[in-house]
């Protein structure tokens, strides 16, 4: 339940069985599933579906993912790592969310959420994206939020989860390419890959 309104947990789009059926259909067709889930309840439902399907129809390198992955517990992140589930995150969301997350989910859960460094430490493939057109397409705003854990006004949220510049760039490039199975064509500056890069006028 929401900390500031215990009468509601939000609404599920699918029942557990409906979600399982959808994931099973895609999984058995050799597709990788990427589902949007923000809250801990939604993430648990998604992981339940992934785990059930993977137990019934094991497939190495499935690359199933969760998009957003915002409100997380340590157990949820450890489960993602164990199942090999990828994370597609948008660090710039903390600009607004840091102002409400503690009130909405409580202090304890707020401190294990938006936990990109912990995800990386657990071996989860973390890809960064802008979520455009909901957010600005400018990648540097996401890198700023990931590295400094600040909003544009400089307010800090859970500095323990800050990423290094190198890790943030890898999440935007190499690890993003892996999530879309483009790692042999995109994501690194190397022989054989597309010359898809930016040249900046400062460090």
N, C-alpha and C. Protein backbone atom coordinates (compact mmCIF):
# COMPACT_ATOMS: atom_id res chain seq x y z
N UNK A 1 0.82 -1.21 0.00
CA UNK A 1 0.00 0.00 0.00
C UNK A 1 0.86 1.27 0.00
N UNK A 2 0.30 2.34 -0.51
CA UNK A 2 1.00 3.62 -0.45
C UNK A 2 1.12 4.08 1.00
N UNK A 3 2.25 4.62 1.35
CA UNK A 3 2.49 5.08 2.72
C UNK A 3 1.51 6.18 3.12
N UNK A 4 1.23 7.06 2.17
CA UNK A 4 0.36 8.19 2.49
C UNK A 4 -1.11 7.93 2.17
N UNK A 5 -1.43 6.73 1.67
CA UNK A 5 -2.82 6.35 1.45
C UNK A 5 -2.91 4.82 1.48
N UNK A 6 -2.91 4.23 2.67
CA UNK A 6 -2.89 2.77 2.80
C UNK A 6 -4.11 2.07 2.20
N UNK A 7 -5.11 2.84 1.79
CA UNK A 7 -6.31 2.22 1.22
C UNK A 7 -6.10 1.78 -0.22
N UNK A 8 -4.99 2.16 -0.84
CA UNK A 8 -4.79 1.81 -2.25
C UNK A 8 -3.41 1.24 -2.51
N UNK A 9 -3.37 0.30 -3.44
CA UNK A 9 -2.12 -0.27 -3.94
C UNK A 9 -1.97 0.03 -5.43
N UNK A 10 -2.83 0.87 -5.95
CA UNK A 10 -2.85 1.03 -7.40
C UNK A 10 -3.67 -0.07 -8.04
N UNK A 11 -3.73 -0.08 -9.37
CA UNK A 11 -4.55 -1.06 -10.09
C UNK A 11 -3.66 -1.88 -11.01
N UNK A 12 -3.88 -3.19 -11.04
CA UNK A 12 -3.16 -4.06 -11.95
C UNK A 12 -3.81 -4.03 -13.33
N UNK A 13 -3.00 -4.01 -14.37
CA UNK A 13 -3.52 -4.04 -15.73
C UNK A 13 -3.95 -5.45 -16.11
N UNK A 14 -3.18 -6.45 -15.63
CA UNK A 14 -3.48 -7.85 -15.92
C UNK A 14 -3.52 -8.65 -14.62
N UNK A 15 -4.28 -9.72 -14.64
CA UNK A 15 -4.19 -10.68 -13.54
C UNK A 15 -2.87 -11.43 -13.68
N UNK A 16 -2.48 -12.15 -12.63
CA UNK A 16 -1.25 -12.94 -12.68
C UNK A 16 -1.31 -13.95 -13.83
N UNK A 17 -2.42 -14.58 -14.00
CA UNK A 17 -2.54 -15.62 -15.04
C UNK A 17 -2.51 -15.01 -16.44
N UNK A 18 -3.16 -13.88 -16.62
CA UNK A 18 -3.12 -13.20 -17.93
C UNK A 18 -1.70 -12.79 -18.28
N UNK A 19 -0.98 -12.26 -17.31
CA UNK A 19 0.39 -11.83 -17.56
C UNK A 19 1.27 -13.03 -17.88
N UNK A 20 1.10 -14.09 -17.13
CA UNK A 20 1.87 -15.32 -17.39
C UNK A 20 1.62 -15.82 -18.82
N UNK A 21 0.38 -15.83 -19.25
CA UNK A 21 0.06 -16.31 -20.60
C UNK A 21 0.73 -15.46 -21.67
N UNK A 22 0.75 -14.15 -21.47
CA UNK A 22 1.40 -13.25 -22.44
C UNK A 22 2.90 -13.49 -22.49
N UNK A 23 3.52 -13.59 -21.32
CA UNK A 23 4.97 -13.82 -21.27
C UNK A 23 5.31 -15.19 -21.88
N UNK A 24 4.52 -16.20 -21.55
CA UNK A 24 4.77 -17.54 -22.09
C UNK A 24 4.70 -17.55 -23.61
N UNK A 25 3.71 -16.87 -24.16
CA UNK A 25 3.56 -16.83 -25.62
C UNK A 25 4.79 -16.20 -26.28
N UNK A 26 5.23 -15.07 -25.74
CA UNK A 26 6.40 -14.39 -26.31
C UNK A 26 7.67 -15.21 -26.09
N UNK A 27 7.84 -15.72 -24.90
CA UNK A 27 9.04 -16.49 -24.55
C UNK A 27 9.18 -17.72 -25.45
N UNK A 28 8.09 -18.44 -25.66
CA UNK A 28 8.15 -19.66 -26.48
C UNK A 28 8.35 -19.34 -27.96
N UNK A 29 8.12 -18.08 -28.35
CA UNK A 29 8.39 -17.64 -29.72
C UNK A 29 9.79 -17.03 -29.83
N UNK A 30 10.62 -17.26 -28.82
CA UNK A 30 12.01 -16.77 -28.79
C UNK A 30 12.11 -15.25 -28.78
N UNK A 31 11.11 -14.59 -28.23
CA UNK A 31 11.15 -13.14 -28.08
C UNK A 31 11.66 -12.78 -26.69
N UNK A 32 12.25 -11.61 -26.59
CA UNK A 32 12.60 -11.05 -25.29
C UNK A 32 11.50 -10.07 -24.89
N UNK A 33 11.04 -10.20 -23.66
CA UNK A 33 9.94 -9.38 -23.17
C UNK A 33 10.49 -8.21 -22.37
N UNK A 34 9.98 -7.02 -22.61
CA UNK A 34 10.33 -5.85 -21.80
C UNK A 34 9.03 -5.25 -21.28
N UNK A 35 8.81 -5.38 -19.98
CA UNK A 35 7.57 -4.89 -19.38
C UNK A 35 7.82 -3.69 -18.50
N UNK A 36 6.93 -2.72 -18.56
CA UNK A 36 7.02 -1.54 -17.71
C UNK A 36 6.49 -1.87 -16.31
N UNK A 37 7.31 -1.61 -15.30
CA UNK A 37 6.88 -1.79 -13.92
C UNK A 37 7.61 -0.79 -13.05
N UNK A 38 6.86 -0.02 -12.28
CA UNK A 38 7.45 1.04 -11.46
C UNK A 38 7.44 0.66 -9.99
N UNK A 39 6.30 0.24 -9.47
CA UNK A 39 6.18 -0.05 -8.04
C UNK A 39 6.64 -1.45 -7.68
N UNK A 40 6.86 -1.68 -6.38
CA UNK A 40 7.33 -2.98 -5.93
C UNK A 40 6.30 -4.07 -6.18
N UNK A 41 5.03 -3.74 -6.09
CA UNK A 41 3.99 -4.74 -6.37
C UNK A 41 4.03 -5.15 -7.84
N UNK A 42 4.13 -4.18 -8.73
CA UNK A 42 4.18 -4.47 -10.16
C UNK A 42 5.43 -5.25 -10.52
N UNK A 43 6.57 -4.86 -9.94
CA UNK A 43 7.81 -5.57 -10.24
C UNK A 43 7.75 -7.01 -9.77
N UNK A 44 7.13 -7.24 -8.63
CA UNK A 44 6.99 -8.60 -8.12
C UNK A 44 6.10 -9.42 -9.04
N UNK A 45 5.02 -8.83 -9.53
CA UNK A 45 4.14 -9.55 -10.44
C UNK A 45 4.87 -9.93 -11.73
N UNK A 46 5.66 -8.99 -12.27
CA UNK A 46 6.42 -9.26 -13.48
C UNK A 46 7.43 -10.39 -13.24
N UNK A 47 8.17 -10.30 -12.13
CA UNK A 47 9.17 -11.32 -11.83
C UNK A 47 8.53 -12.68 -11.59
N UNK A 48 7.34 -12.69 -11.00
CA UNK A 48 6.61 -13.95 -10.83
C UNK A 48 6.34 -14.60 -12.19
N UNK A 49 5.90 -13.79 -13.15
CA UNK A 49 5.61 -14.32 -14.48
C UNK A 49 6.88 -14.79 -15.17
N UNK A 50 7.94 -13.99 -15.10
CA UNK A 50 9.21 -14.40 -15.71
C UNK A 50 9.72 -15.70 -15.10
N UNK A 51 9.71 -15.77 -13.78
CA UNK A 51 10.27 -16.95 -13.12
C UNK A 51 9.47 -18.21 -13.44
N UNK A 52 8.16 -18.09 -13.45
CA UNK A 52 7.33 -19.25 -13.77
C UNK A 52 7.61 -19.76 -15.18
N UNK A 53 7.70 -18.84 -16.13
CA UNK A 53 7.95 -19.23 -17.52
C UNK A 53 9.36 -19.81 -17.67
N UNK A 54 10.34 -19.20 -17.03
CA UNK A 54 11.72 -19.70 -17.15
C UNK A 54 11.88 -21.07 -16.51
N UNK A 55 11.14 -21.33 -15.46
CA UNK A 55 11.19 -22.66 -14.84
C UNK A 55 10.55 -23.71 -15.74
N UNK A 56 9.48 -23.33 -16.41
CA UNK A 56 8.77 -24.28 -17.27
C UNK A 56 9.43 -24.45 -18.63
N UNK A 57 10.00 -23.37 -19.15
CA UNK A 57 10.61 -23.39 -20.49
C UNK A 57 11.98 -22.72 -20.41
N UNK A 58 12.96 -23.39 -19.82
CA UNK A 58 14.29 -22.76 -19.65
C UNK A 58 14.86 -22.32 -21.01
N UNK A 59 15.44 -21.13 -21.01
CA UNK A 59 16.06 -20.62 -22.23
C UNK A 59 17.22 -19.75 -21.86
N UNK A 60 18.43 -20.14 -22.19
CA UNK A 60 19.57 -19.29 -21.86
C UNK A 60 19.53 -17.99 -22.66
N UNK A 61 20.05 -16.95 -22.08
CA UNK A 61 20.16 -15.66 -22.78
C UNK A 61 18.80 -15.13 -23.23
N UNK A 62 17.80 -15.23 -22.36
CA UNK A 62 16.45 -14.78 -22.72
C UNK A 62 16.34 -13.26 -22.83
N UNK A 63 17.11 -12.56 -22.04
CA UNK A 63 17.15 -11.09 -22.03
C UNK A 63 15.80 -10.43 -21.75
N UNK A 64 14.97 -11.05 -20.96
CA UNK A 64 13.74 -10.39 -20.52
C UNK A 64 14.13 -9.20 -19.63
N UNK A 65 13.35 -8.16 -19.69
CA UNK A 65 13.71 -6.91 -19.01
C UNK A 65 12.52 -6.30 -18.29
N UNK A 66 12.84 -5.41 -17.37
CA UNK A 66 11.83 -4.56 -16.74
C UNK A 66 12.21 -3.12 -17.02
N UNK A 67 11.24 -2.37 -17.53
CA UNK A 67 11.45 -0.95 -17.84
C UNK A 67 11.00 -0.11 -16.65
N UNK A 68 11.82 0.79 -16.23
CA UNK A 68 11.66 1.74 -15.13
C UNK A 68 12.27 1.22 -13.82
N UNK A 69 11.78 0.11 -13.28
CA UNK A 69 12.42 -0.50 -12.09
C UNK A 69 12.67 0.52 -10.99
N UNK A 70 11.67 1.25 -10.59
CA UNK A 70 11.92 2.38 -9.69
C UNK A 70 11.82 2.02 -8.21
N UNK A 71 10.71 1.47 -7.78
CA UNK A 71 10.53 1.20 -6.35
C UNK A 71 10.90 -0.26 -6.09
N UNK A 72 12.07 -0.46 -5.49
CA UNK A 72 12.61 -1.80 -5.36
C UNK A 72 13.06 -2.08 -3.93
N UNK A 73 13.01 -3.35 -3.57
CA UNK A 73 13.60 -3.83 -2.32
C UNK A 73 14.88 -4.57 -2.67
N UNK A 74 15.69 -4.86 -1.66
CA UNK A 74 16.89 -5.65 -1.91
C UNK A 74 16.51 -7.02 -2.47
N UNK A 75 15.44 -7.60 -1.95
CA UNK A 75 15.01 -8.93 -2.42
C UNK A 75 14.60 -8.90 -3.88
N UNK A 76 13.93 -7.85 -4.31
CA UNK A 76 13.53 -7.73 -5.71
C UNK A 76 14.76 -7.65 -6.60
N UNK A 77 15.74 -6.85 -6.22
CA UNK A 77 16.95 -6.72 -7.03
C UNK A 77 17.74 -8.01 -7.08
N UNK A 78 17.83 -8.70 -5.96
CA UNK A 78 18.54 -9.98 -5.93
C UNK A 78 17.82 -11.01 -6.81
N UNK A 79 16.51 -10.94 -6.82
CA UNK A 79 15.74 -11.86 -7.67
C UNK A 79 15.95 -11.55 -9.16
N UNK A 80 15.99 -10.28 -9.50
CA UNK A 80 16.29 -9.90 -10.88
C UNK A 80 17.63 -10.47 -11.31
N UNK A 81 18.63 -10.32 -10.45
CA UNK A 81 19.97 -10.82 -10.77
C UNK A 81 19.96 -12.34 -10.95
N UNK A 82 19.29 -13.04 -10.06
CA UNK A 82 19.25 -14.51 -10.11
C UNK A 82 18.58 -15.00 -11.39
N UNK A 83 17.53 -14.30 -11.83
CA UNK A 83 16.80 -14.71 -13.03
C UNK A 83 17.42 -14.18 -14.32
N UNK A 84 18.43 -13.31 -14.20
CA UNK A 84 19.04 -12.74 -15.40
C UNK A 84 18.16 -11.72 -16.09
N UNK A 85 17.32 -11.04 -15.31
CA UNK A 85 16.41 -10.03 -15.87
C UNK A 85 17.13 -8.70 -15.97
N UNK A 86 17.01 -8.05 -17.11
CA UNK A 86 17.66 -6.77 -17.35
C UNK A 86 16.82 -5.60 -16.82
N UNK A 87 17.47 -4.46 -16.62
CA UNK A 87 16.80 -3.24 -16.15
C UNK A 87 17.00 -2.13 -17.18
N UNK A 88 15.92 -1.51 -17.59
CA UNK A 88 15.97 -0.35 -18.49
C UNK A 88 15.47 0.86 -17.70
N UNK A 89 16.38 1.74 -17.31
CA UNK A 89 16.04 2.79 -16.35
C UNK A 89 16.20 4.19 -16.94
N UNK A 90 15.59 5.15 -16.25
CA UNK A 90 15.60 6.55 -16.67
C UNK A 90 15.99 7.40 -15.45
N UNK A 91 17.27 7.61 -15.19
CA UNK A 91 17.68 8.32 -13.98
C UNK A 91 17.07 9.70 -13.82
N UNK A 92 16.75 10.36 -14.91
CA UNK A 92 16.22 11.73 -14.84
C UNK A 92 14.89 11.77 -14.09
N UNK A 93 14.23 10.64 -13.93
CA UNK A 93 12.97 10.62 -13.19
C UNK A 93 13.13 11.09 -11.75
N UNK A 94 14.33 10.95 -11.18
CA UNK A 94 14.50 11.37 -9.78
C UNK A 94 14.35 12.88 -9.62
N UNK A 95 14.47 13.65 -10.71
CA UNK A 95 14.31 15.10 -10.61
C UNK A 95 12.99 15.46 -9.92
N UNK A 96 11.94 14.79 -10.32
CA UNK A 96 10.61 15.04 -9.75
C UNK A 96 10.33 14.08 -8.60
N UNK A 97 10.68 12.81 -8.81
CA UNK A 97 10.29 11.78 -7.85
C UNK A 97 10.90 11.97 -6.48
N UNK A 98 12.11 12.54 -6.40
CA UNK A 98 12.75 12.71 -5.09
C UNK A 98 11.92 13.59 -4.15
N UNK A 99 11.04 14.38 -4.73
CA UNK A 99 10.21 15.27 -3.93
C UNK A 99 9.01 14.57 -3.29
N UNK A 100 8.68 13.37 -3.78
CA UNK A 100 7.48 12.69 -3.30
C UNK A 100 7.71 11.25 -2.84
N UNK A 101 8.84 10.64 -3.22
CA UNK A 101 8.99 9.20 -3.02
C UNK A 101 8.91 8.80 -1.55
N UNK A 102 9.52 9.55 -0.67
CA UNK A 102 9.52 9.18 0.75
C UNK A 102 8.10 9.21 1.31
N UNK A 103 7.33 10.24 0.95
CA UNK A 103 5.95 10.33 1.43
C UNK A 103 5.08 9.22 0.86
N UNK A 104 5.35 8.84 -0.39
CA UNK A 104 4.50 7.84 -1.05
C UNK A 104 4.78 6.42 -0.57
N UNK A 105 6.08 6.07 -0.39
CA UNK A 105 6.40 4.67 -0.12
C UNK A 105 7.08 4.45 1.23
N UNK A 106 7.43 5.54 1.95
CA UNK A 106 8.09 5.40 3.23
C UNK A 106 9.60 5.49 3.10
N UNK A 107 10.26 5.88 4.18
CA UNK A 107 11.69 6.14 4.15
C UNK A 107 12.51 4.90 3.82
N UNK A 108 12.15 3.75 4.39
CA UNK A 108 12.93 2.54 4.17
C UNK A 108 12.92 2.11 2.71
N UNK A 109 11.75 2.07 2.11
CA UNK A 109 11.64 1.66 0.71
C UNK A 109 12.25 2.71 -0.22
N UNK A 110 12.13 3.98 0.16
CA UNK A 110 12.73 5.04 -0.66
C UNK A 110 14.25 4.88 -0.77
N UNK A 111 14.88 4.32 0.26
CA UNK A 111 16.34 4.20 0.26
C UNK A 111 16.84 2.97 -0.49
N UNK A 112 15.94 2.07 -0.88
CA UNK A 112 16.37 0.93 -1.71
C UNK A 112 15.82 1.05 -3.13
N UNK A 113 15.33 2.23 -3.46
CA UNK A 113 14.72 2.46 -4.77
C UNK A 113 15.62 3.31 -5.66
N UNK A 114 15.32 3.29 -6.97
CA UNK A 114 16.15 4.00 -7.95
C UNK A 114 17.62 3.59 -7.72
N UNK A 115 17.83 2.27 -7.59
CA UNK A 115 19.09 1.73 -7.07
C UNK A 115 19.99 1.20 -8.18
N UNK A 116 20.41 2.09 -9.07
CA UNK A 116 21.12 1.65 -10.27
C UNK A 116 22.52 1.11 -9.95
N UNK A 117 23.20 1.70 -9.01
CA UNK A 117 24.53 1.20 -8.66
C UNK A 117 24.43 -0.19 -8.03
N UNK A 118 23.45 -0.39 -7.16
CA UNK A 118 23.24 -1.71 -6.56
C UNK A 118 22.93 -2.73 -7.64
N UNK A 119 22.08 -2.34 -8.60
CA UNK A 119 21.78 -3.25 -9.71
C UNK A 119 23.05 -3.68 -10.42
N UNK A 120 23.89 -2.71 -10.75
CA UNK A 120 25.14 -3.04 -11.44
C UNK A 120 26.02 -3.95 -10.59
N UNK A 121 26.08 -3.66 -9.30
CA UNK A 121 26.89 -4.47 -8.40
C UNK A 121 26.43 -5.91 -8.32
N UNK A 122 25.13 -6.13 -8.53
CA UNK A 122 24.56 -7.48 -8.51
C UNK A 122 24.74 -8.20 -9.85
N UNK A 123 25.28 -7.48 -10.84
CA UNK A 123 25.48 -8.08 -12.14
C UNK A 123 24.30 -7.93 -13.09
N UNK A 124 23.34 -7.11 -12.72
CA UNK A 124 22.19 -6.85 -13.61
C UNK A 124 22.64 -5.95 -14.75
N UNK A 125 22.23 -6.29 -15.96
CA UNK A 125 22.50 -5.42 -17.10
C UNK A 125 21.58 -4.20 -16.98
N UNK A 126 22.16 -3.03 -16.78
CA UNK A 126 21.40 -1.79 -16.61
C UNK A 126 21.60 -0.92 -17.84
N UNK A 127 20.52 -0.62 -18.53
CA UNK A 127 20.55 0.28 -19.68
C UNK A 127 19.84 1.57 -19.30
N UNK A 128 20.41 2.69 -19.72
CA UNK A 128 19.80 4.00 -19.49
C UNK A 128 19.14 4.49 -20.77
N UNK A 129 17.96 5.05 -20.63
CA UNK A 129 17.27 5.68 -21.75
C UNK A 129 16.56 6.93 -21.26
N UNK A 130 16.11 7.75 -22.18
CA UNK A 130 15.53 9.03 -21.81
C UNK A 130 14.05 8.98 -21.51
N UNK A 131 13.35 7.95 -22.02
CA UNK A 131 11.90 7.89 -21.96
C UNK A 131 11.25 9.03 -22.74
N UNK A 132 11.97 9.56 -23.72
CA UNK A 132 11.39 10.58 -24.61
C UNK A 132 10.19 9.97 -25.35
N UNK A 133 9.11 10.71 -25.57
CA UNK A 133 8.98 12.16 -25.37
C UNK A 133 8.45 12.56 -23.99
N UNK A 134 8.33 11.60 -23.06
CA UNK A 134 7.89 11.98 -21.71
C UNK A 134 8.92 12.91 -21.07
N UNK A 135 10.21 12.59 -21.27
CA UNK A 135 11.30 13.41 -20.77
C UNK A 135 12.12 13.95 -21.95
N UNK A 136 12.99 14.89 -21.66
CA UNK A 136 13.87 15.47 -22.67
C UNK A 136 14.75 14.39 -23.27
N UNK A 137 14.94 14.40 -24.58
CA UNK A 137 15.76 13.41 -25.26
C UNK A 137 17.25 13.60 -24.99
N UNK A 138 17.63 14.73 -24.43
CA UNK A 138 19.04 15.05 -24.15
C UNK A 138 19.65 14.01 -23.19
N UNK A 139 20.63 13.24 -23.63
CA UNK A 139 21.19 12.18 -22.77
C UNK A 139 21.95 12.73 -21.56
N UNK A 140 22.43 13.95 -21.63
CA UNK A 140 23.26 14.46 -20.54
C UNK A 140 22.47 14.72 -19.26
N UNK A 141 21.16 14.94 -19.39
CA UNK A 141 20.35 15.10 -18.18
C UNK A 141 20.27 13.77 -17.42
N UNK A 142 20.16 12.67 -18.15
CA UNK A 142 20.15 11.36 -17.51
C UNK A 142 21.50 11.03 -16.89
N UNK A 143 22.57 11.36 -17.58
CA UNK A 143 23.90 11.10 -17.04
C UNK A 143 24.13 11.94 -15.79
N UNK A 144 23.70 13.19 -15.82
CA UNK A 144 23.82 14.04 -14.62
C UNK A 144 23.08 13.43 -13.43
N UNK A 145 21.85 13.00 -13.67
CA UNK A 145 21.07 12.41 -12.58
C UNK A 145 21.69 11.12 -12.07
N UNK A 146 22.23 10.31 -12.98
CA UNK A 146 22.84 9.03 -12.60
C UNK A 146 24.13 9.24 -11.81
N UNK A 147 24.92 10.21 -12.21
CA UNK A 147 26.25 10.40 -11.62
C UNK A 147 26.19 11.24 -10.35
N UNK A 148 25.39 12.29 -10.33
CA UNK A 148 25.34 13.18 -9.18
C UNK A 148 24.15 12.94 -8.26
N UNK A 149 23.15 12.20 -8.75
CA UNK A 149 21.93 11.94 -7.97
C UNK A 149 21.26 13.24 -7.53
N UNK A 150 21.33 14.25 -8.38
CA UNK A 150 20.73 15.54 -8.04
C UNK A 150 19.65 15.88 -9.06
N UNK A 151 18.75 16.78 -8.62
CA UNK A 151 17.86 17.39 -9.59
C UNK A 151 18.53 18.66 -10.11
N UNK A 152 17.84 19.39 -10.98
CA UNK A 152 18.46 20.57 -11.58
C UNK A 152 18.76 21.65 -10.56
N UNK A 153 18.06 21.63 -9.44
CA UNK A 153 18.28 22.62 -8.38
C UNK A 153 19.43 22.21 -7.45
N UNK A 154 19.96 21.00 -7.65
CA UNK A 154 21.08 20.55 -6.84
C UNK A 154 20.71 19.73 -5.62
N UNK A 155 19.42 19.46 -5.42
CA UNK A 155 19.00 18.63 -4.29
C UNK A 155 19.42 17.19 -4.54
N UNK A 156 19.97 16.53 -3.52
CA UNK A 156 20.53 15.18 -3.66
C UNK A 156 19.55 14.13 -3.13
N UNK A 157 19.51 13.00 -3.82
CA UNK A 157 18.68 11.87 -3.39
C UNK A 157 19.53 10.60 -3.35
N UNK A 158 19.70 10.03 -2.18
CA UNK A 158 20.37 8.74 -1.97
C UNK A 158 21.69 8.65 -2.73
N UNK A 159 22.66 9.40 -2.27
CA UNK A 159 23.96 9.51 -2.94
C UNK A 159 24.68 8.18 -3.03
N UNK A 160 24.32 7.21 -2.18
CA UNK A 160 24.97 5.89 -2.22
C UNK A 160 24.77 5.18 -3.54
N UNK A 161 23.74 5.58 -4.27
CA UNK A 161 23.42 4.89 -5.52
C UNK A 161 23.97 5.62 -6.75
N UNK A 162 24.88 6.56 -6.55
CA UNK A 162 25.40 7.28 -7.72
C UNK A 162 26.29 6.37 -8.55
N UNK A 163 26.22 6.52 -9.85
CA UNK A 163 27.04 5.75 -10.77
C UNK A 163 28.26 6.56 -11.16
N UNK A 164 29.32 5.89 -11.57
CA UNK A 164 30.47 6.60 -12.13
C UNK A 164 30.10 7.09 -13.52
N UNK A 165 30.85 8.08 -14.00
CA UNK A 165 30.61 8.57 -15.37
C UNK A 165 30.78 7.43 -16.36
N UNK A 166 31.83 6.64 -16.19
CA UNK A 166 32.08 5.53 -17.11
C UNK A 166 30.93 4.53 -17.12
N UNK A 167 30.42 4.19 -15.92
CA UNK A 167 29.32 3.24 -15.85
C UNK A 167 28.04 3.80 -16.47
N UNK A 168 27.80 5.09 -16.26
CA UNK A 168 26.61 5.71 -16.85
C UNK A 168 26.69 5.71 -18.37
N UNK A 169 27.86 5.99 -18.91
CA UNK A 169 28.02 5.98 -20.37
C UNK A 169 27.90 4.56 -20.92
N UNK A 170 28.47 3.59 -20.22
CA UNK A 170 28.33 2.20 -20.65
C UNK A 170 26.85 1.79 -20.64
N UNK A 171 26.12 2.23 -19.63
CA UNK A 171 24.70 1.90 -19.55
C UNK A 171 23.92 2.50 -20.72
N UNK A 172 24.37 3.66 -21.18
CA UNK A 172 23.70 4.34 -22.29
C UNK A 172 24.06 3.71 -23.64
N UNK A 173 25.20 3.04 -23.70
CA UNK A 173 25.73 2.59 -24.99
C UNK A 173 25.83 1.07 -25.07
N UNK A 174 26.88 0.51 -24.50
CA UNK A 174 27.16 -0.92 -24.61
C UNK A 174 26.03 -1.78 -24.04
N UNK A 175 25.56 -1.43 -22.82
CA UNK A 175 24.55 -2.27 -22.18
C UNK A 175 23.18 -2.07 -22.80
N UNK A 176 22.92 -0.89 -23.34
CA UNK A 176 21.67 -0.68 -24.07
C UNK A 176 21.64 -1.51 -25.35
N UNK A 177 22.77 -1.55 -26.04
CA UNK A 177 22.85 -2.34 -27.27
C UNK A 177 22.62 -3.81 -26.98
N UNK A 178 23.11 -4.29 -25.84
CA UNK A 178 22.91 -5.69 -25.49
C UNK A 178 21.42 -5.98 -25.25
N UNK A 179 20.71 -5.04 -24.66
CA UNK A 179 19.29 -5.28 -24.38
C UNK A 179 18.47 -5.43 -25.65
N UNK A 180 18.93 -4.80 -26.74
CA UNK A 180 18.19 -4.89 -28.00
C UNK A 180 18.85 -5.88 -28.97
N UNK A 181 19.82 -6.67 -28.45
CA UNK A 181 20.55 -7.65 -29.25
C UNK A 181 21.28 -7.01 -30.43
N UNK A 182 21.79 -5.83 -30.21
CA UNK A 182 22.56 -5.11 -31.23
C UNK A 182 24.03 -4.98 -30.84
N UNK A 183 24.50 -5.81 -29.91
CA UNK A 183 25.85 -5.61 -29.36
C UNK A 183 26.96 -5.84 -30.37
N UNK A 184 26.67 -6.48 -31.51
CA UNK A 184 27.71 -6.67 -32.52
C UNK A 184 27.76 -5.52 -33.51
N UNK A 185 26.77 -4.64 -33.46
CA UNK A 185 26.71 -3.50 -34.39
C UNK A 185 26.82 -2.15 -33.70
N UNK A 186 26.37 -2.07 -32.45
CA UNK A 186 26.26 -0.78 -31.77
C UNK A 186 26.83 -0.88 -30.35
N UNK A 187 27.10 0.29 -29.76
CA UNK A 187 27.39 0.35 -28.33
C UNK A 187 28.83 0.57 -27.97
N UNK A 188 29.76 0.31 -28.88
CA UNK A 188 31.18 0.52 -28.60
C UNK A 188 31.85 1.14 -29.83
N UNK A 189 32.93 1.84 -29.59
CA UNK A 189 33.73 2.37 -30.70
C UNK A 189 34.80 1.32 -30.99
N UNK A 190 34.53 0.47 -31.97
CA UNK A 190 35.45 -0.62 -32.28
C UNK A 190 35.26 -1.05 -33.74
N UNK A 191 36.25 -1.72 -34.27
CA UNK A 191 36.20 -2.19 -35.64
C UNK A 191 34.99 -3.10 -35.84
N UNK A 192 34.23 -2.84 -36.90
CA UNK A 192 33.09 -3.67 -37.23
C UNK A 192 31.76 -3.12 -36.76
N UNK A 193 31.80 -2.11 -35.89
CA UNK A 193 30.56 -1.51 -35.42
C UNK A 193 30.30 -0.19 -36.14
N UNK A 194 29.02 0.21 -36.13
CA UNK A 194 28.66 1.48 -36.75
C UNK A 194 29.38 2.64 -36.06
N UNK A 195 29.79 3.60 -36.83
CA UNK A 195 30.46 4.78 -36.27
C UNK A 195 29.41 5.72 -35.71
N UNK A 196 28.83 5.31 -34.62
CA UNK A 196 27.70 6.02 -34.00
C UNK A 196 28.19 6.62 -32.70
N UNK A 197 28.73 7.82 -32.75
CA UNK A 197 29.28 8.44 -31.55
C UNK A 197 29.21 9.96 -31.64
N UNK A 198 29.45 10.60 -30.51
CA UNK A 198 29.42 12.07 -30.43
C UNK A 198 30.80 12.57 -30.03
N UNK A 199 31.17 13.73 -30.58
CA UNK A 199 32.41 14.39 -30.21
C UNK A 199 32.03 15.65 -29.42
N UNK A 200 32.55 15.77 -28.21
CA UNK A 200 32.18 16.88 -27.31
C UNK A 200 33.31 17.89 -27.23
N UNK A 201 32.96 19.10 -26.81
CA UNK A 201 33.97 20.17 -26.74
C UNK A 201 34.53 20.32 -25.33
N UNK A 202 34.25 19.38 -24.41
CA UNK A 202 34.78 19.43 -23.06
C UNK A 202 34.79 18.02 -22.47
N UNK A 203 35.49 17.88 -21.35
CA UNK A 203 35.58 16.58 -20.68
C UNK A 203 34.24 16.34 -19.96
